[in-house]
Amino acid sequence: MADTESNVQAPAAPTGRQLAAARAFVAAHGKPSKAVVERIGRAGARVVLVGADGALGDIVVPSAETGAALVDAVEDLEPATWDAETVNATVIGAGHRRRMAGPRSRR
C-alpha cells in the first residue's frame, strides 16, 4: 500500500492587514476587547469585535480557524461567545440601528 498525501490544507494565517485592523480596534475602543468568531458559509468567518466601550467592529477572514488565530495573536483581545455578558457589553447607537434596518427605515 502506498502512502497518500492528505488533501487537507492548513488554515490560512491572518494577514497583516487583518491583524492591524484588530489591533487598531482594541487601541481605539479599550482593553480588554472581546471577539466572537462566527462562520458565514463559503465566505469564511466573521470576527465580531466588541470594545470595552461597547463599540462594534468586524473583520472577515477565510475560516473560523483563521479567526481563532487572529484572536490569539492580538494582545488584549479575548475570545467570547454571544452570552449575556458579551451582548450586554455592546452599545448600539441610533445611527447603527438605522443602517442595520435598511432603506425601509428611512421612509
Protein backbone atom coordinates (compact mmCIF):
# COMPACT_ATOMS: atom_id res chain seq x y z
CA MET A 1 0.00 0.00 0.00
CA ALA A 2 1.41 3.39 -0.97
CA ASP A 3 1.42 6.41 1.28
CA THR A 4 -1.07 9.02 0.18
CA GLU A 5 -0.84 12.72 0.72
CA SER A 6 -3.57 14.38 2.67
CA ASN A 7 -5.73 16.86 0.78
CA VAL A 8 -6.43 18.76 3.98
CA GLN A 9 -4.84 22.18 3.90
CA ALA A 10 -3.78 24.13 6.95
CA PRO A 11 -5.99 27.15 7.65
CA ALA A 12 -4.71 30.45 6.33
CA ALA A 13 -2.93 32.64 8.84
CA PRO A 14 -4.42 36.08 9.48
CA THR A 15 -2.99 38.72 7.19
CA GLY A 16 -1.04 41.72 8.38
CA ARG A 17 -3.97 43.91 7.39
CA GLN A 18 -6.41 41.85 9.50
CA LEU A 19 -4.05 41.90 12.48
CA ALA A 20 -3.54 45.66 12.12
CA ALA A 21 -7.30 46.25 11.97
CA ALA A 22 -7.91 44.21 15.12
CA ARG A 23 -5.06 45.93 16.98
CA ALA A 24 -6.32 49.36 15.93
CA PHE A 25 -9.83 48.46 17.14
CA VAL A 26 -8.50 47.43 20.56
CA ALA A 27 -6.41 50.61 20.79
CA ALA A 28 -9.38 52.80 19.86
CA HIS A 29 -12.08 51.08 21.91
CA GLY A 30 -10.36 49.93 25.07
CA LYS A 31 -8.82 46.95 26.75
CA PRO A 32 -9.86 44.25 27.05
CA SER A 33 -11.97 43.90 23.93
CA LYS A 34 -13.89 40.75 23.02
CA ALA A 35 -14.08 38.79 19.78
CA VAL A 36 -16.79 36.37 18.66
CA VAL A 37 -15.86 34.18 15.67
CA GLU A 38 -18.89 33.22 13.53
CA ARG A 39 -18.92 31.02 10.43
CA ILE A 40 -20.57 32.74 7.45
CA GLY A 41 -20.61 29.92 4.92
CA ARG A 42 -18.35 29.82 1.87
CA ALA A 43 -17.10 33.34 2.56
CA GLY A 44 -15.34 32.08 5.69
CA ALA A 45 -15.89 33.59 9.09
CA ARG A 46 -16.68 36.93 10.66
CA VAL A 47 -14.80 38.08 13.73
CA VAL A 48 -17.16 40.43 15.57
CA LEU A 49 -15.24 42.78 17.84
CA VAL A 50 -16.80 44.31 20.97
CA GLY A 51 -14.75 47.07 22.53
CA ALA A 52 -14.53 47.84 26.23
CA ASP A 53 -16.56 50.98 25.40
CA GLY A 54 -19.30 48.86 23.73
CA ALA A 55 -18.35 49.70 20.14
CA LEU A 56 -18.81 47.03 17.47
CA GLY A 57 -16.49 46.15 14.61
CA ASP A 58 -15.86 43.18 12.38
CA ILE A 59 -13.24 41.52 10.26
CA VAL A 60 -13.96 38.84 7.64
CA VAL A 61 -11.41 36.01 7.46
CA PRO A 62 -11.20 32.85 5.28
CA SER A 63 -12.13 30.39 8.05
CA ALA A 64 -13.15 30.07 11.69
CA GLU A 65 -9.69 28.67 12.41
CA THR A 66 -8.12 31.81 10.95
CA GLY A 67 -10.46 33.88 13.12
CA ALA A 68 -9.35 31.99 16.23
CA ALA A 69 -5.71 32.53 15.24
CA LEU A 70 -6.41 36.25 14.81
CA VAL A 71 -7.91 36.48 18.30
CA ASP A 72 -4.94 34.59 19.78
CA ALA A 73 -2.44 36.87 18.00
CA VAL A 74 -3.86 40.18 19.23
CA GLU A 75 -2.95 41.23 22.75
CA ASP A 76 -5.91 42.34 24.91
CA LEU A 77 -8.43 40.66 22.57
CA GLU A 78 -10.36 37.94 24.40
CA PRO A 79 -12.31 35.12 22.74
CA ALA A 80 -16.03 35.28 23.58
CA THR A 81 -19.43 33.90 22.70
CA TRP A 82 -22.77 35.67 22.45
CA ASP A 83 -23.52 35.13 26.11
CA ALA A 84 -25.38 37.67 28.27
CA GLU A 85 -22.16 39.37 29.36
CA THR A 86 -20.98 39.99 25.77
CA VAL A 87 -24.39 41.08 24.49
CA ASN A 88 -24.87 43.48 27.41
CA ALA A 89 -21.41 44.96 26.79
CA THR A 90 -22.46 46.25 23.34
CA VAL A 91 -23.64 49.80 22.84
CA ILE A 92 -25.58 50.22 19.62
CA GLY A 93 -26.39 53.82 18.72
CA ALA A 94 -29.35 55.10 16.72
CA GLY A 95 -27.29 55.56 13.54
CA HIS A 96 -26.10 51.96 13.64
CA ARG A 97 -29.66 50.72 14.21
CA ARG A 98 -30.87 52.66 11.15
CA ARG A 99 -28.11 51.16 8.98
CA MET A 100 -28.97 47.65 10.17
CA ALA A 101 -32.67 48.20 9.47
CA GLY A 102 -32.01 49.11 5.82
CA PRO A 103 -33.71 51.52 3.41
CA ARG A 104 -37.24 50.94 4.67
CA SER A 105 -36.37 52.54 7.98
CA ARG A 106 -35.54 55.81 6.23
CA ARG A 107 -39.05 56.42 4.91
